[in-house]
Amino acid sequence: MINIDEDLCKGCHLCVFICYKNVYAVSLKPNKKGVLLPYPKFEKECTKCGDCELMCPDQAIDVDIETHWWVKEKDSKFNPNFNNKKES
C-alpha cells in the first residue's frame, strides 16, 4: 500500500516522474494548501521498488513499510510520521 502524507507533500511530483511503472497521477483537485498532490492511480502496478520513497524530498511517501525489514523502529524517528498510516 502506498501512503502519501498530504501534510508533508509539497507537490513537486518527483514520484510521478521517477516511477517506471507509471503508478502515480496528479490530482485535479487542490488540497487545503492549494497543491495538486500525486496519488497512486495504478497501485496494482507497483513493484514496491521504493524509488518514490527515496526520491521524495519531504519524506511524504511510504510504500508498504511492513515489508521493509531493514527499517527498525528506532531508525524511523527522523520523521515522526514515517510509521503513521492514513486510512484511504
N, C-alpha and C. Protein backbone atom coordinates (compact mmCIF):
# COMPACT_ATOMS: atom_id res chain seq x y z
N MET A 1 0.84 -1.17 0.00
CA MET A 1 0.00 0.00 0.00
C MET A 1 0.88 1.24 0.00
N ILE A 2 0.55 2.19 -0.83
CA ILE A 2 1.29 3.44 -0.93
C ILE A 2 0.56 4.50 -0.13
N ASN A 3 1.29 5.15 0.76
CA ASN A 3 0.73 6.23 1.57
C ASN A 3 1.47 7.52 1.28
N ILE A 4 0.70 8.57 1.02
CA ILE A 4 1.27 9.90 0.81
C ILE A 4 0.72 10.81 1.89
N ASP A 5 1.61 11.36 2.68
CA ASP A 5 1.20 12.27 3.75
C ASP A 5 0.93 13.65 3.13
N GLU A 6 -0.33 14.02 3.10
CA GLU A 6 -0.73 15.29 2.48
C GLU A 6 -0.16 16.50 3.19
N ASP A 7 0.14 16.37 4.48
CA ASP A 7 0.69 17.49 5.23
C ASP A 7 2.17 17.71 4.90
N LEU A 8 2.87 16.65 4.52
CA LEU A 8 4.29 16.77 4.20
C LEU A 8 4.55 17.03 2.72
N CYS A 9 3.70 16.53 1.85
CA CYS A 9 3.90 16.65 0.40
C CYS A 9 3.73 18.09 -0.06
N LYS A 10 4.70 18.56 -0.85
CA LYS A 10 4.62 19.92 -1.39
C LYS A 10 4.23 19.93 -2.86
N GLY A 11 3.99 18.75 -3.43
CA GLY A 11 3.54 18.66 -4.81
C GLY A 11 4.62 18.84 -5.85
N CYS A 12 5.83 18.38 -5.57
CA CYS A 12 6.93 18.51 -6.53
C CYS A 12 6.79 17.52 -7.69
N HIS A 13 6.06 16.45 -7.47
CA HIS A 13 5.76 15.41 -8.46
C HIS A 13 6.98 14.61 -8.91
N LEU A 14 8.04 14.60 -8.11
CA LEU A 14 9.18 13.75 -8.45
C LEU A 14 8.77 12.28 -8.48
N CYS A 15 7.87 11.90 -7.62
CA CYS A 15 7.41 10.50 -7.59
C CYS A 15 6.72 10.12 -8.90
N VAL A 16 5.98 11.06 -9.47
CA VAL A 16 5.28 10.81 -10.73
C VAL A 16 6.30 10.56 -11.84
N PHE A 17 7.36 11.35 -11.87
CA PHE A 17 8.35 11.25 -12.93
C PHE A 17 9.33 10.09 -12.74
N ILE A 18 9.62 9.71 -11.49
CA ILE A 18 10.60 8.67 -11.22
C ILE A 18 10.01 7.26 -11.38
N CYS A 19 8.71 7.11 -11.22
CA CYS A 19 8.09 5.78 -11.23
C CYS A 19 8.09 5.18 -12.64
N TYR A 20 8.83 4.09 -12.82
CA TYR A 20 8.93 3.47 -14.13
C TYR A 20 7.69 2.65 -14.49
N LYS A 21 6.81 2.40 -13.53
CA LYS A 21 5.56 1.68 -13.79
C LYS A 21 4.38 2.64 -13.95
N ASN A 22 4.62 3.94 -13.88
CA ASN A 22 3.57 4.95 -14.02
C ASN A 22 2.40 4.73 -13.06
N VAL A 23 2.74 4.50 -11.82
CA VAL A 23 1.74 4.24 -10.78
C VAL A 23 0.99 5.51 -10.39
N TYR A 24 1.67 6.64 -10.42
CA TYR A 24 1.11 7.88 -9.90
C TYR A 24 0.43 8.72 -10.98
N ALA A 25 -0.56 9.46 -10.52
CA ALA A 25 -1.22 10.50 -11.33
C ALA A 25 -1.31 11.74 -10.44
N VAL A 26 -1.63 12.86 -11.04
CA VAL A 26 -1.74 14.11 -10.30
C VAL A 26 -3.22 14.46 -10.15
N SER A 27 -3.61 14.73 -8.93
CA SER A 27 -4.99 15.09 -8.64
C SER A 27 -5.35 16.41 -9.32
N LEU A 28 -6.56 16.51 -9.79
CA LEU A 28 -7.04 17.74 -10.40
C LEU A 28 -7.63 18.69 -9.37
N LYS A 29 -7.82 18.17 -8.16
CA LYS A 29 -8.39 18.97 -7.08
C LYS A 29 -7.29 19.35 -6.09
N PRO A 30 -7.08 20.64 -5.87
CA PRO A 30 -6.03 21.05 -4.92
C PRO A 30 -6.40 20.71 -3.48
N ASN A 31 -5.37 20.47 -2.66
CA ASN A 31 -5.61 20.21 -1.24
C ASN A 31 -5.81 21.54 -0.51
N LYS A 32 -5.82 21.50 0.81
CA LYS A 32 -6.08 22.71 1.60
C LYS A 32 -4.99 23.77 1.45
N LYS A 33 -3.80 23.35 0.99
CA LYS A 33 -2.71 24.30 0.75
C LYS A 33 -2.71 24.82 -0.69
N GLY A 34 -3.61 24.30 -1.50
CA GLY A 34 -3.67 24.71 -2.90
C GLY A 34 -2.72 23.94 -3.80
N VAL A 35 -2.26 22.79 -3.33
CA VAL A 35 -1.29 21.99 -4.05
C VAL A 35 -2.00 20.82 -4.74
N LEU A 36 -1.62 20.56 -5.98
CA LEU A 36 -2.14 19.39 -6.70
C LEU A 36 -1.25 18.20 -6.33
N LEU A 37 -1.76 17.35 -5.49
CA LEU A 37 -0.98 16.23 -4.97
C LEU A 37 -0.98 15.03 -5.90
N PRO A 38 0.09 14.25 -5.88
CA PRO A 38 0.08 12.98 -6.59
C PRO A 38 -0.73 11.97 -5.80
N TYR A 39 -1.22 10.96 -6.50
CA TYR A 39 -1.90 9.86 -5.82
C TYR A 39 -1.63 8.58 -6.61
N PRO A 40 -1.66 7.44 -5.95
CA PRO A 40 -1.39 6.17 -6.63
C PRO A 40 -2.60 5.68 -7.42
N LYS A 41 -2.70 6.09 -8.67
CA LYS A 41 -3.84 5.73 -9.51
C LYS A 41 -3.81 4.26 -9.92
N PHE A 42 -2.62 3.74 -10.19
CA PHE A 42 -2.47 2.36 -10.64
C PHE A 42 -1.62 1.59 -9.63
N GLU A 43 -2.09 1.55 -8.40
CA GLU A 43 -1.32 0.95 -7.31
C GLU A 43 -1.03 -0.53 -7.54
N LYS A 44 -1.88 -1.23 -8.25
CA LYS A 44 -1.65 -2.66 -8.51
C LYS A 44 -0.41 -2.89 -9.37
N GLU A 45 0.00 -1.87 -10.10
CA GLU A 45 1.20 -1.98 -10.94
C GLU A 45 2.49 -1.80 -10.14
N CYS A 46 2.38 -1.33 -8.91
CA CYS A 46 3.54 -1.02 -8.08
C CYS A 46 4.35 -2.29 -7.78
N THR A 47 5.66 -2.19 -7.98
CA THR A 47 6.55 -3.31 -7.68
C THR A 47 7.22 -3.15 -6.32
N LYS A 48 6.88 -2.08 -5.61
CA LYS A 48 7.44 -1.79 -4.28
C LYS A 48 8.95 -1.62 -4.33
N CYS A 49 9.43 -1.00 -5.40
CA CYS A 49 10.88 -0.79 -5.54
C CYS A 49 11.38 0.27 -4.55
N GLY A 50 10.51 1.19 -4.16
CA GLY A 50 10.88 2.20 -3.19
C GLY A 50 11.55 3.43 -3.79
N ASP A 51 11.63 3.52 -5.11
CA ASP A 51 12.27 4.69 -5.72
C ASP A 51 11.53 5.98 -5.37
N CYS A 52 10.22 5.93 -5.31
CA CYS A 52 9.45 7.14 -4.97
C CYS A 52 9.74 7.58 -3.54
N GLU A 53 9.86 6.63 -2.63
CA GLU A 53 10.23 6.96 -1.24
C GLU A 53 11.60 7.62 -1.19
N LEU A 54 12.52 7.05 -1.92
CA LEU A 54 13.89 7.52 -1.92
C LEU A 54 14.00 8.92 -2.52
N MET A 55 13.25 9.21 -3.56
CA MET A 55 13.33 10.49 -4.25
C MET A 55 12.53 11.60 -3.58
N CYS A 56 11.57 11.25 -2.75
CA CYS A 56 10.71 12.26 -2.13
C CYS A 56 11.53 13.15 -1.19
N PRO A 57 11.67 14.45 -1.52
CA PRO A 57 12.48 15.32 -0.68
C PRO A 57 11.83 15.64 0.67
N ASP A 58 10.54 15.36 0.79
CA ASP A 58 9.82 15.68 2.02
C ASP A 58 9.51 14.45 2.87
N GLN A 59 9.97 13.28 2.44
CA GLN A 59 9.69 12.02 3.13
C GLN A 59 8.20 11.84 3.35
N ALA A 60 7.43 12.18 2.34
CA ALA A 60 5.97 12.13 2.44
C ALA A 60 5.39 10.81 1.95
N ILE A 61 6.21 9.94 1.38
CA ILE A 61 5.71 8.69 0.81
C ILE A 61 6.28 7.50 1.56
N ASP A 62 5.43 6.54 1.83
CA ASP A 62 5.93 5.24 2.29
C ASP A 62 5.18 4.15 1.54
N VAL A 63 5.95 3.15 1.15
CA VAL A 63 5.41 2.03 0.38
C VAL A 63 5.55 0.77 1.21
N ASP A 64 4.45 0.27 1.71
CA ASP A 64 4.43 -0.98 2.48
C ASP A 64 5.58 -1.09 3.47
N ILE A 65 5.55 -0.25 4.47
CA ILE A 65 6.63 -0.18 5.45
C ILE A 65 6.83 -1.52 6.18
N GLU A 66 5.79 -2.34 6.27
CA GLU A 66 5.94 -3.64 6.95
C GLU A 66 6.91 -4.54 6.21
N THR A 67 7.01 -4.38 4.89
CA THR A 67 7.90 -5.25 4.13
C THR A 67 9.34 -4.76 4.13
N HIS A 68 9.59 -3.58 4.71
CA HIS A 68 10.94 -3.05 4.75
C HIS A 68 11.64 -3.58 6.01
N TRP A 69 12.16 -4.77 5.91
CA TRP A 69 12.75 -5.45 7.04
C TRP A 69 13.99 -4.73 7.56
N TRP A 70 14.62 -3.91 6.72
CA TRP A 70 15.85 -3.23 7.15
C TRP A 70 15.59 -2.00 8.01
N VAL A 71 14.33 -1.54 8.09
CA VAL A 71 14.00 -0.38 8.91
C VAL A 71 13.58 -0.87 10.29
N LYS A 72 14.32 -0.46 11.27
CA LYS A 72 13.97 -0.80 12.65
C LYS A 72 13.22 0.37 13.26
N GLU A 73 12.43 0.12 14.27
CA GLU A 73 11.61 1.16 14.91
C GLU A 73 12.46 2.36 15.33
N LYS A 74 13.60 2.13 15.92
CA LYS A 74 14.44 3.24 16.38
C LYS A 74 15.00 4.06 15.22
N ASP A 75 15.14 3.45 14.04
CA ASP A 75 15.69 4.15 12.88
C ASP A 75 14.69 5.10 12.23
N SER A 76 13.42 4.94 12.53
CA SER A 76 12.41 5.75 11.85
C SER A 76 12.04 7.01 12.63
N LYS A 77 12.81 7.37 13.64
CA LYS A 77 12.50 8.54 14.46
C LYS A 77 12.85 9.86 13.77
N PHE A 78 13.56 9.81 12.64
CA PHE A 78 13.91 11.04 11.95
C PHE A 78 12.67 11.75 11.44
N ASN A 79 11.59 11.03 11.19
CA ASN A 79 10.33 11.61 10.76
C ASN A 79 9.23 10.98 11.61
N PRO A 80 8.62 11.72 12.50
CA PRO A 80 7.62 11.13 13.40
C PRO A 80 6.40 10.56 12.67
N ASN A 81 6.16 10.97 11.44
CA ASN A 81 5.01 10.47 10.69
C ASN A 81 5.36 9.28 9.81
N PHE A 82 6.60 8.82 9.85
CA PHE A 82 7.07 7.77 8.95
C PHE A 82 6.27 6.48 9.09
N ASN A 83 5.95 6.10 10.30
CA ASN A 83 5.22 4.86 10.52
C ASN A 83 3.72 5.06 10.67
N ASN A 84 3.25 6.29 10.59
CA ASN A 84 1.81 6.55 10.73
C ASN A 84 1.13 6.32 9.39
N LYS A 85 0.20 5.41 9.38
CA LYS A 85 -0.55 5.10 8.16
C LYS A 85 -1.86 5.86 8.19
N LYS A 86 -2.22 6.46 7.07
CA LYS A 86 -3.52 7.10 6.96
C LYS A 86 -4.45 6.16 6.22
N GLU A 87 -5.63 6.03 6.71
CA GLU A 87 -6.62 5.20 6.05
C GLU A 87 -7.14 5.93 4.82
N SER A 88 -7.17 5.23 3.68
CA SER A 88 -7.64 5.85 2.45
C SER A 88 -9.13 5.68 2.27
